[in-house]
Structures are given as C-alpha cells and as structure tokens.
Amino acid sequence: MLTIKNLKKIYTKGDIKVNALTGINLNIEKKEFAAICGPSGSGKTTLLNIIGTLDVPSEGQILLEKEDYTNKTERQLSLLRRQSFGFV
C-alpha cells in the first residue's frame, strides 16, 4: 500500500546543508500499522510531513498503492490528502 524508496530530505540555509533524511526505505502493507519512533531530531516529523504530502523529498520515491506521488501537482496532492490521509 505505501512504499518508500531511498527517500532523502536535505534542508539548506545559505552554504549549510542539513541531511534530515538519508536513504529511508519503508513498506507498509494494507491493514498493517506502523509506529515511527526515535530521538528528537531524528527526522520523524520530516518523514511524516513528506508521506502526508505537506513537504517534498529532495530525492526518492513514495508510492501509494503502486502509484508514485512525488511529482504530482498541488491540486492532485490536495485531492490525495483529502481521500487518503489523516493526521491527529
């Protein structure tokens, strides 16, 4: 259902680059649950924001039901959020 391949997120501020995510791979099948755990600053929120289409990755693919949504338009992403995601 959800597949993440080699996901990377790099934030830049001037000449400074911060690797928030480096090569994340994840597969969550239909009817599975997953918990994202880790220490402060490990990239949990960044990962969830990217999965939820609130942020974009620097590299990698995110597939929902085998369809890549990393290059969708904002309108397509809005529809995807409305139909497929929920945040608490």
PDB file of N, CA and C in Angstrom:
ATOM      1  N   MET A   1       0.817  -1.188   0.000  1.00  0.00           N
ATOM      2  CA  MET A   1       0.000   0.000   0.000  1.00  0.00           C
ATOM      3  C   MET A   1       0.868   1.262   0.000  1.00  0.00           C
ATOM      4  N   LEU A   2       1.811   1.388   0.952  1.00  0.00           N
ATOM      5  CA  LEU A   2       2.716   2.536   0.988  1.00  0.00           C
ATOM      6  C   LEU A   2       4.140   2.013   0.888  1.00  0.00           C
ATOM      7  N   THR A   3       4.860   2.494  -0.112  1.00  0.00           N
ATOM      8  CA  THR A   3       6.249   2.098  -0.313  1.00  0.00           C
ATOM      9  C   THR A   3       7.105   3.347  -0.445  1.00  0.00           C
ATOM     10  N   ILE A   4       8.184   3.384   0.302  1.00  0.00           N
ATOM     11  CA  ILE A   4       9.127   4.489   0.247  1.00  0.00           C
ATOM     12  C   ILE A   4      10.465   3.925  -0.194  1.00  0.00           C
ATOM     13  N   LYS A   5      11.043   4.543  -1.213  1.00  0.00           N
ATOM     14  CA  LYS A   5      12.307   4.066  -1.773  1.00  0.00           C
ATOM     15  C   LYS A   5      13.360   5.166  -1.747  1.00  0.00           C
ATOM     16  N   ASN A   6      14.426   4.921  -1.001  1.00  0.00           N
ATOM     17  CA  ASN A   6      15.595   5.793  -0.965  1.00  0.00           C
ATOM     18  C   ASN A   6      15.240   7.269  -0.748  1.00  0.00           C
ATOM     19  N   LEU A   7      14.385   7.519   0.222  1.00  0.00           N
ATOM     20  CA  LEU A   7      13.904   8.873   0.489  1.00  0.00           C
ATOM     21  C   LEU A   7      14.972   9.704   1.192  1.00  0.00           C
ATOM     22  N   LYS A   8      15.197  10.902   0.657  1.00  0.00           N
ATOM     23  CA  LYS A   8      16.161  11.826   1.240  1.00  0.00           C
ATOM     24  C   LYS A   8      15.532  13.209   1.329  1.00  0.00           C
ATOM     25  N   LYS A   9      15.889  13.923   2.392  1.00  0.00           N
ATOM     26  CA  LYS A   9      15.465  15.310   2.536  1.00  0.00           C
ATOM     27  C   LYS A   9      16.648  16.110   3.048  1.00  0.00           C
ATOM     28  N   ILE A  10      17.024  17.114   2.273  1.00  0.00           N
ATOM     29  CA  ILE A  10      18.137  17.986   2.633  1.00  0.00           C
ATOM     30  C   ILE A  10      17.602  19.410   2.730  1.00  0.00           C
ATOM     31  N   TYR A  11      17.800  20.021   3.886  1.00  0.00           N
ATOM     32  CA  TYR A  11      17.443  21.424   4.072  1.00  0.00           C
ATOM     33  C   TYR A  11      18.713  22.254   3.890  1.00  0.00           C
ATOM     34  N   THR A  12      18.571  23.383   3.211  1.00  0.00           N
ATOM     35  CA  THR A  12      19.733  24.255   3.026  1.00  0.00           C
ATOM     36  C   THR A  12      19.435  25.640   3.571  1.00  0.00           C
ATOM     37  N   LYS A  13      20.455  26.219   4.153  1.00  0.00           N
ATOM     38  CA  LYS A  13      20.385  27.610   4.610  1.00  0.00           C
ATOM     39  C   LYS A  13      21.722  28.232   4.258  1.00  0.00           C
ATOM     40  N   GLY A  14      21.733  28.972   3.163  1.00  0.00           N
ATOM     41  CA  GLY A  14      22.990  29.514   2.658  1.00  0.00           C
ATOM     42  C   GLY A  14      23.876  28.374   2.170  1.00  0.00           C
ATOM     43  N   ASP A  15      25.077  28.289   2.714  1.00  0.00           N
ATOM     44  CA  ASP A  15      26.006  27.227   2.339  1.00  0.00           C
ATOM     45  C   ASP A  15      25.864  25.988   3.215  1.00  0.00           C
ATOM     46  N   ILE A  16      25.018  26.060   4.221  1.00  0.00           N
ATOM     47  CA  ILE A  16      24.867  24.953   5.169  1.00  0.00           C
ATOM     48  C   ILE A  16      23.791  23.997   4.676  1.00  0.00           C
ATOM     49  N   LYS A  17      24.129  22.699   4.659  1.00  0.00           N
ATOM     50  CA  LYS A  17      23.174  21.659   4.281  1.00  0.00           C
ATOM     51  C   LYS A  17      22.957  20.732   5.471  1.00  0.00           C
ATOM     52  N   VAL A  18      21.685  20.457   5.751  1.00  0.00           N
ATOM     53  CA  VAL A  18      21.330  19.547   6.839  1.00  0.00           C
ATOM     54  C   VAL A  18      20.596  18.354   6.243  1.00  0.00           C
ATOM     55  N   ASN A  19      21.145  17.174   6.433  1.00  0.00           N
ATOM     56  CA  ASN A  19      20.507  15.940   5.969  1.00  0.00           C
ATOM     57  C   ASN A  19      19.488  15.492   7.011  1.00  0.00           C
ATOM     58  N   ALA A  20      18.225  15.781   6.756  1.00  0.00           N
ATOM     59  CA  ALA A  20      17.171  15.398   7.691  1.00  0.00           C
ATOM     60  C   ALA A  20      16.806  13.923   7.525  1.00  0.00           C
ATOM     61  N   LEU A  21      16.801  13.439   6.294  1.00  0.00           N
ATOM     62  CA  LEU A  21      16.533  12.027   5.998  1.00  0.00           C
ATOM     63  C   LEU A  21      17.571  11.559   4.991  1.00  0.00           C
ATOM     64  N   THR A  22      18.119  10.380   5.207  1.00  0.00           N
ATOM     65  CA  THR A  22      19.137   9.868   4.286  1.00  0.00           C
ATOM     66  C   THR A  22      18.843   8.418   3.931  1.00  0.00           C
ATOM     67  N   GLY A  23      18.236   8.211   2.782  1.00  0.00           N
ATOM     68  CA  GLY A  23      18.033   6.856   2.259  1.00  0.00           C
ATOM     69  C   GLY A  23      17.016   6.019   3.003  1.00  0.00           C
ATOM     70  N   ILE A  24      15.870   6.568   3.309  1.00  0.00           N
ATOM     71  CA  ILE A  24      14.823   5.831   4.024  1.00  0.00           C
ATOM     72  C   ILE A  24      14.100   4.892   3.058  1.00  0.00           C
ATOM     73  N   ASN A  25      13.958   3.638   3.471  1.00  0.00           N
ATOM     74  CA  ASN A  25      13.175   2.644   2.736  1.00  0.00           C
ATOM     75  C   ASN A  25      12.146   2.072   3.697  1.00  0.00           C
ATOM     76  N   LEU A  26      10.908   1.977   3.232  1.00  0.00           N
ATOM     77  CA  LEU A  26       9.825   1.529   4.102  1.00  0.00           C
ATOM     78  C   LEU A  26       8.731   0.917   3.253  1.00  0.00           C
ATOM     79  N   ASN A  27       8.123  -0.130   3.761  1.00  0.00           N
ATOM     80  CA  ASN A  27       6.989  -0.745   3.076  1.00  0.00           C
ATOM     81  C   ASN A  27       5.921  -1.072   4.120  1.00  0.00           C
ATOM     82  N   ILE A  28       4.747  -0.504   3.963  1.00  0.00           N
ATOM     83  CA  ILE A  28       3.629  -0.781   4.863  1.00  0.00           C
ATOM     84  C   ILE A  28       2.496  -1.331   4.014  1.00  0.00           C
ATOM     85  N   GLU A  29       2.112  -2.545   4.304  1.00  0.00           N
ATOM     86  CA  GLU A  29       1.056  -3.218   3.550  1.00  0.00           C
ATOM     87  C   GLU A  29      -0.318  -2.820   4.064  1.00  0.00           C
ATOM     88  N   LYS A  30      -1.321  -3.079   3.267  1.00  0.00           N
ATOM     89  CA  LYS A  30      -2.702  -2.817   3.644  1.00  0.00           C
ATOM     90  C   LYS A  30      -3.015  -3.559   4.943  1.00  0.00           C
ATOM     91  N   LYS A  31      -3.706  -2.905   5.851  1.00  0.00           N
ATOM     92  CA  LYS A  31      -4.125  -3.420   7.151  1.00  0.00           C
ATOM     93  C   LYS A  31      -2.992  -3.537   8.157  1.00  0.00           C
ATOM     94  N   GLU A  32      -1.780  -3.084   7.812  1.00  0.00           N
ATOM     95  CA  GLU A  32      -0.676  -3.049   8.761  1.00  0.00           C
ATOM     96  C   GLU A  32      -0.660  -1.707   9.481  1.00  0.00           C
ATOM     97  N   PHE A  33      -0.105  -1.709  10.675  1.00  0.00           N
ATOM     98  CA  PHE A  33       0.123  -0.491  11.426  1.00  0.00           C
ATOM     99  C   PHE A  33       1.620  -0.308  11.572  1.00  0.00           C
ATOM    100  N   ALA A  34       2.059   0.937  11.643  1.00  0.00           N
ATOM    101  CA  ALA A  34       3.472   1.223  11.843  1.00  0.00           C
ATOM    102  C   ALA A  34       3.605   2.363  12.841  1.00  0.00           C
ATOM    103  N   ALA A  35       4.627   2.302  13.648  1.00  0.00           N
ATOM    104  CA  ALA A  35       4.947   3.381  14.578  1.00  0.00           C
ATOM    105  C   ALA A  35       6.288   3.958  14.165  1.00  0.00           C
ATOM    106  N   ILE A  36       6.374   5.270  14.126  1.00  0.00           N
ATOM    107  CA  ILE A  36       7.617   5.958  13.803  1.00  0.00           C
ATOM    108  C   ILE A  36       8.190   6.462  15.123  1.00  0.00           C
ATOM    109  N   CYS A  37       9.301   5.889  15.546  1.00  0.00           N
ATOM    110  CA  CYS A  37       9.911   6.217  16.836  1.00  0.00           C
ATOM    111  C   CYS A  37      11.357   6.638  16.637  1.00  0.00           C
ATOM    112  N   GLY A  38      11.847   7.451  17.540  1.00  0.00           N
ATOM    113  CA  GLY A  38      13.245   7.848  17.504  1.00  0.00           C
ATOM    114  C   GLY A  38      13.471   9.070  18.355  1.00  0.00           C
ATOM    115  N   PRO A  39      14.733   9.391  18.590  1.00  0.00           N
ATOM    116  CA  PRO A  39      15.050  10.551  19.425  1.00  0.00           C
ATOM    117  C   PRO A  39      14.716  11.869  18.723  1.00  0.00           C
ATOM    118  N   SER A  40      14.687  12.914  19.515  1.00  0.00           N
ATOM    119  CA  SER A  40      14.451  14.255  18.993  1.00  0.00           C
ATOM    120  C   SER A  40      15.473  14.579  17.908  1.00  0.00           C
ATOM    121  N   GLY A  41      14.986  15.112  16.788  1.00  0.00           N
ATOM    122  CA  GLY A  41      15.875  15.495  15.702  1.00  0.00           C
ATOM    123  C   GLY A  41      16.239  14.378  14.745  1.00  0.00           C
ATOM    124  N   SER A  42      15.594  13.218  14.888  1.00  0.00           N
ATOM    125  CA  SER A  42      15.955  12.080  14.026  1.00  0.00           C
ATOM    126  C   SER A  42      15.218  12.049  12.691  1.00  0.00           C
ATOM    127  N   GLY A  43      14.237  12.963  12.478  1.00  0.00           N
ATOM    128  CA  GLY A  43      13.558  13.050  11.193  1.00  0.00           C
ATOM    129  C   GLY A  43      12.143  12.507  11.160  1.00  0.00           C
ATOM    130  N   LYS A  44      11.573  12.188  12.317  1.00  0.00           N
ATOM    131  CA  LYS A  44      10.219  11.619  12.360  1.00  0.00           C
ATOM    132  C   LYS A  44       9.184  12.558  11.749  1.00  0.00           C
ATOM    133  N   THR A  45       9.186  13.793  12.170  1.00  0.00           N
ATOM    134  CA  THR A  45       8.209  14.764  11.665  1.00  0.00           C
ATOM    135  C   THR A  45       8.439  15.047  10.189  1.00  0.00           C
ATOM    136  N   THR A  46       9.693  15.156   9.791  1.00  0.00           N
ATOM    137  CA  THR A  46      10.009  15.367   8.378  1.00  0.00           C
ATOM    138  C   THR A  46       9.463  14.218   7.543  1.00  0.00           C
ATOM    139  N   LEU A  47       9.692  12.992   7.987  1.00  0.00           N
ATOM    140  CA  LEU A  47       9.196  11.816   7.271  1.00  0.00           C
ATOM    141  C   LEU A  47       7.676  11.845   7.163  1.00  0.00           C
ATOM    142  N   LEU A  48       6.987  12.106   8.260  1.00  0.00           N
ATOM    143  CA  LEU A  48       5.523  12.127   8.231  1.00  0.00           C
ATOM    144  C   LEU A  48       4.984  13.270   7.380  1.00  0.00           C
ATOM    145  N   ASN A  49       5.646  14.420   7.409  1.00  0.00           N
ATOM    146  CA  ASN A  49       5.211  15.531   6.547  1.00  0.00           C
ATOM    147  C   ASN A  49       5.372  15.190   5.073  1.00  0.00           C
ATOM    148  N   ILE A  50       6.424  14.483   4.732  1.00  0.00           N
ATOM    149  CA  ILE A  50       6.623  14.087   3.339  1.00  0.00           C
ATOM    150  C   ILE A  50       5.612  13.023   2.943  1.00  0.00           C
ATOM    151  N   ILE A  51       5.404  12.021   3.790  1.00  0.00           N
ATOM    152  CA  ILE A  51       4.402  10.989   3.492  1.00  0.00           C
ATOM    153  C   ILE A  51       3.021  11.618   3.316  1.00  0.00           C
ATOM    154  N   GLY A  52       2.705  12.592   4.166  1.00  0.00           N
ATOM    155  CA  GLY A  52       1.400  13.250   4.105  1.00  0.00           C
ATOM    156  C   GLY A  52       1.290  14.347   3.066  1.00  0.00           C
ATOM    157  N   THR A  53       2.272  14.489   2.220  1.00  0.00           N
ATOM    158  CA  THR A  53       2.341  15.445   1.106  1.00  0.00           C
ATOM    159  C   THR A  53       2.374  16.907   1.554  1.00  0.00           C
ATOM    160  N   LEU A  54       2.770  17.148   2.802  1.00  0.00           N
ATOM    161  CA  LEU A  54       2.898  18.519   3.285  1.00  0.00           C
ATOM    162  C   LEU A  54       4.276  19.094   2.985  1.00  0.00           C
ATOM    163  N   ASP A  55       5.221  18.224   2.623  1.00  0.00           N
ATOM    164  CA  ASP A  55       6.575  18.615   2.240  1.00  0.00           C
ATOM    165  C   ASP A  55       6.997  17.699   1.092  1.00  0.00           C
ATOM    166  N   VAL A  56       8.040  18.082   0.384  1.00  0.00           N
ATOM    167  CA  VAL A  56       8.511  17.276  -0.750  1.00  0.00           C
ATOM    168  C   VAL A  56       9.910  16.740  -0.458  1.00  0.00           C
ATOM    169  N   PRO A  57      10.208  15.540  -0.912  1.00  0.00           N
ATOM    170  CA  PRO A  57      11.545  14.994  -0.684  1.00  0.00           C
ATOM    171  C   PRO A  57      12.571  15.623  -1.620  1.00  0.00           C
ATOM    172  N   SER A  58      13.827  15.570  -1.221  1.00  0.00           N
ATOM    173  CA  SER A  58      14.912  16.000  -2.096  1.00  0.00           C
ATOM    174  C   SER A  58      15.199  14.933  -3.137  1.00  0.00           C
ATOM    175  N   GLU A  59      15.066  13.676  -2.734  1.00  0.00           N
ATOM    176  CA  GLU A  59      15.259  12.527  -3.625  1.00  0.00           C
ATOM    177  C   GLU A  59      14.375  11.390  -3.139  1.00  0.00           C
ATOM    178  N   GLY A  60      14.185  10.416  -4.025  1.00  0.00           N
ATOM    179  CA  GLY A  60      13.459   9.207  -3.657  1.00  0.00           C
ATOM    180  C   GLY A  60      12.052   9.168  -4.208  1.00  0.00           C
ATOM    181  N   GLN A  61      11.392   8.064  -3.911  1.00  0.00           N
ATOM    182  CA  GLN A  61      10.026   7.838  -4.392  1.00  0.00           C
ATOM    183  C   GLN A  61       9.113   7.471  -3.240  1.00  0.00           C
ATOM    184  N   ILE A  62       7.871   7.902  -3.351  1.00  0.00           N
ATOM    185  CA  ILE A  62       6.828   7.473  -2.433  1.00  0.00           C
ATOM    186  C   ILE A  62       5.684   6.958  -3.293  1.00  0.00           C
ATOM    187  N   LEU A  63       5.323   5.706  -3.062  1.00  0.00           N
ATOM    188  CA  LEU A  63       4.252   5.088  -3.839  1.00  0.00           C
ATOM    189  C   LEU A  63       3.089   4.730  -2.920  1.00  0.00           C
ATOM    190  N   LEU A  64       1.920   5.142  -3.305  1.00  0.00           N
ATOM    191  CA  LEU A  64       0.705   4.778  -2.597  1.00  0.00           C
ATOM    192  C   LEU A  64      -0.093   3.907  -3.545  1.00  0.00           C
ATOM    193  N   GLU A  65      -0.295   2.668  -3.134  1.00  0.00           N
ATOM    194  CA  GLU A  65      -0.951   1.675  -3.984  1.00  0.00           C
ATOM    195  C   GLU A  65      -0.288   1.613  -5.360  1.00  0.00           C
ATOM    196  N   LYS A  66       1.051   1.579  -5.347  1.00  0.00           N
ATOM    197  CA  LYS A  66       1.925   1.430  -6.524  1.00  0.00           C
ATOM    198  C   LYS A  66       1.968   2.648  -7.447  1.00  0.00           C
ATOM    199  N   GLU A  67       1.358   3.762  -7.038  1.00  0.00           N
ATOM    200  CA  GLU A  67       1.401   4.984  -7.849  1.00  0.00           C
ATOM    201  C   GLU A  67       2.305   6.009  -7.184  1.00  0.00           C
ATOM    202  N   ASP A  68       3.300   6.475  -7.928  1.00  0.00           N
ATOM    203  CA  ASP A  68       4.258   7.454  -7.423  1.00  0.00           C
ATOM    204  C   ASP A  68       3.579   8.815  -7.309  1.00  0.00           C
ATOM    205  N   TYR A  69       3.624   9.407  -6.120  1.00  0.00           N
ATOM    206  CA  TYR A  69       3.009  10.733  -5.982  1.00  0.00           C
ATOM    207  C   TYR A  69       4.030  11.821  -5.670  1.00  0.00           C
ATOM    208  N   THR A  70       5.309  11.541  -5.860  1.00  0.00           N
ATOM    209  CA  THR A  70       6.317  12.565  -5.569  1.00  0.00           C
ATOM    210  C   THR A  70       6.354  13.691  -6.592  1.00  0.00           C
ATOM    211  N   ASN A  71       5.799  13.502  -7.772  1.00  0.00           N
ATOM    212  CA  ASN A  71       5.818  14.553  -8.796  1.00  0.00           C
ATOM    213  C   ASN A  71       4.424  15.033  -9.192  1.00  0.00           C
ATOM    214  N   LYS A  72       3.469  14.887  -8.295  1.00  0.00           N
ATOM    215  CA  LYS A  72       2.102  15.326  -8.585  1.00  0.00           C
ATOM    216  C   LYS A  72       1.980  16.847  -8.424  1.00  0.00           C
ATOM    217  N   THR A  73       0.971  17.420  -9.055  1.00  0.00           N
ATOM    218  CA  THR A  73       0.692  18.849  -8.907  1.00  0.00           C
ATOM    219  C   THR A  73       0.078  19.100  -7.528  1.00  0.00           C
ATOM    220  N   GLU A  74       0.067  20.351  -7.103  1.00  0.00           N
ATOM    221  CA  GLU A  74      -0.529  20.694  -5.807  1.00  0.00           C
ATOM    222  C   GLU A  74      -2.012  20.330  -5.765  1.00  0.00           C
ATOM    223  N   ARG A  75      -2.697  20.485  -6.869  1.00  0.00           N
ATOM    224  CA  ARG A  75      -4.122  20.114  -6.934  1.00  0.00           C
ATOM    225  C   ARG A  75      -4.296  18.600  -6.747  1.00  0.00           C
ATOM    226  N   GLN A  76      -3.442  17.807  -7.403  1.00  0.00           N
ATOM    227  CA  GLN A  76      -3.506  16.353  -7.252  1.00  0.00           C
ATOM    228  C   GLN A  76      -3.167  15.933  -5.825  1.00  0.00           C
ATOM    229  N   LEU A  77      -2.187  16.604  -5.225  1.00  0.00           N
ATOM    230  CA  LEU A  77      -1.812  16.292  -3.849  1.00  0.00           C
ATOM    231  C   LEU A  77      -2.923  16.643  -2.874  1.00  0.00           C
ATOM    232  N   SER A  78      -3.601  17.746  -3.120  1.00  0.00           N
ATOM    233  CA  SER A  78      -4.719  18.141  -2.275  1.00  0.00           C
ATOM    234  C   SER A  78      -5.822  17.082  -2.307  1.00  0.00           C
ATOM    235  N   LEU A  79      -6.124  16.591  -3.476  1.00  0.00           N
ATOM    236  CA  LEU A  79      -7.119  15.532  -3.625  1.00  0.00           C
ATOM    237  C   LEU A  79      -6.661  14.253  -2.913  1.00  0.00           C
ATOM    238  N   LEU A  80      -5.395  13.920  -3.060  1.00  0.00           N
ATOM    239  CA  LEU A  80      -4.845  12.737  -2.398  1.00  0.00           C
ATOM    240  C   LEU A  80      -4.951  12.867  -0.883  1.00  0.00           C
ATOM    241  N   ARG A  81      -4.611  14.035  -0.335  1.00  0.00           N
ATOM    242  CA  ARG A  81      -4.730  14.266   1.119  1.00  0.00           C
ATOM    243  C   ARG A  81      -6.166  14.094   1.570  1.00  0.00           C
ATOM    244  N   ARG A  82      -7.076  14.638   0.805  1.00  0.00           N
ATOM    245  CA  ARG A  82      -8.496  14.578   1.185  1.00  0.00           C
ATOM    246  C   ARG A  82      -9.022  13.144   1.181  1.00  0.00           C
ATOM    247  N   GLN A  83      -8.545  12.324   0.246  1.00  0.00           N
ATOM    248  CA  GLN A  83      -9.075  10.977   0.097  1.00  0.00           C
ATOM    249  C   GLN A  83      -8.311   9.902   0.852  1.00  0.00           C
ATOM    250  N   SER A  84      -7.015  10.139   1.149  1.00  0.00           N
ATOM    251  CA  SER A  84      -6.184   9.027   1.614  1.00  0.00           C
ATOM    252  C   SER A  84      -5.461   9.215   2.942  1.00  0.00           C
ATOM    253  N   PHE A  85      -5.375  10.434   3.471  1.00  0.00           N
ATOM    254  CA  PHE A  85      -4.565  10.657   4.658  1.00  0.00           C
ATOM    255  C   PHE A  85      -5.361  11.296   5.767  1.00  0.00           C
ATOM    256  N   GLY A  86      -4.905  11.035   6.989  1.00  0.00           N
ATOM    257  CA  GLY A  86      -5.453  11.692   8.161  1.00  0.00           C
ATOM    258  C   GLY A  86      -4.340  11.927   9.159  1.00  0.00           C
ATOM    259  N   PHE A  87      -4.381  13.062   9.822  1.00  0.00           N
ATOM    260  CA  PHE A  87      -3.392  13.398  10.853  1.00  0.00           C
ATOM    261  C   PHE A  87      -4.120  13.686  12.157  1.00  0.00           C
ATOM    262  N   VAL A  88      -3.477  13.290  13.244  1.00  0.00           N
ATOM    263  CA  VAL A  88      -4.005  13.602  14.580  1.00  0.00           C
ATOM    264  C   VAL A  88      -2.936  14.339  15.345  1.00  0.00           C
TER     265      VAL A  88
END
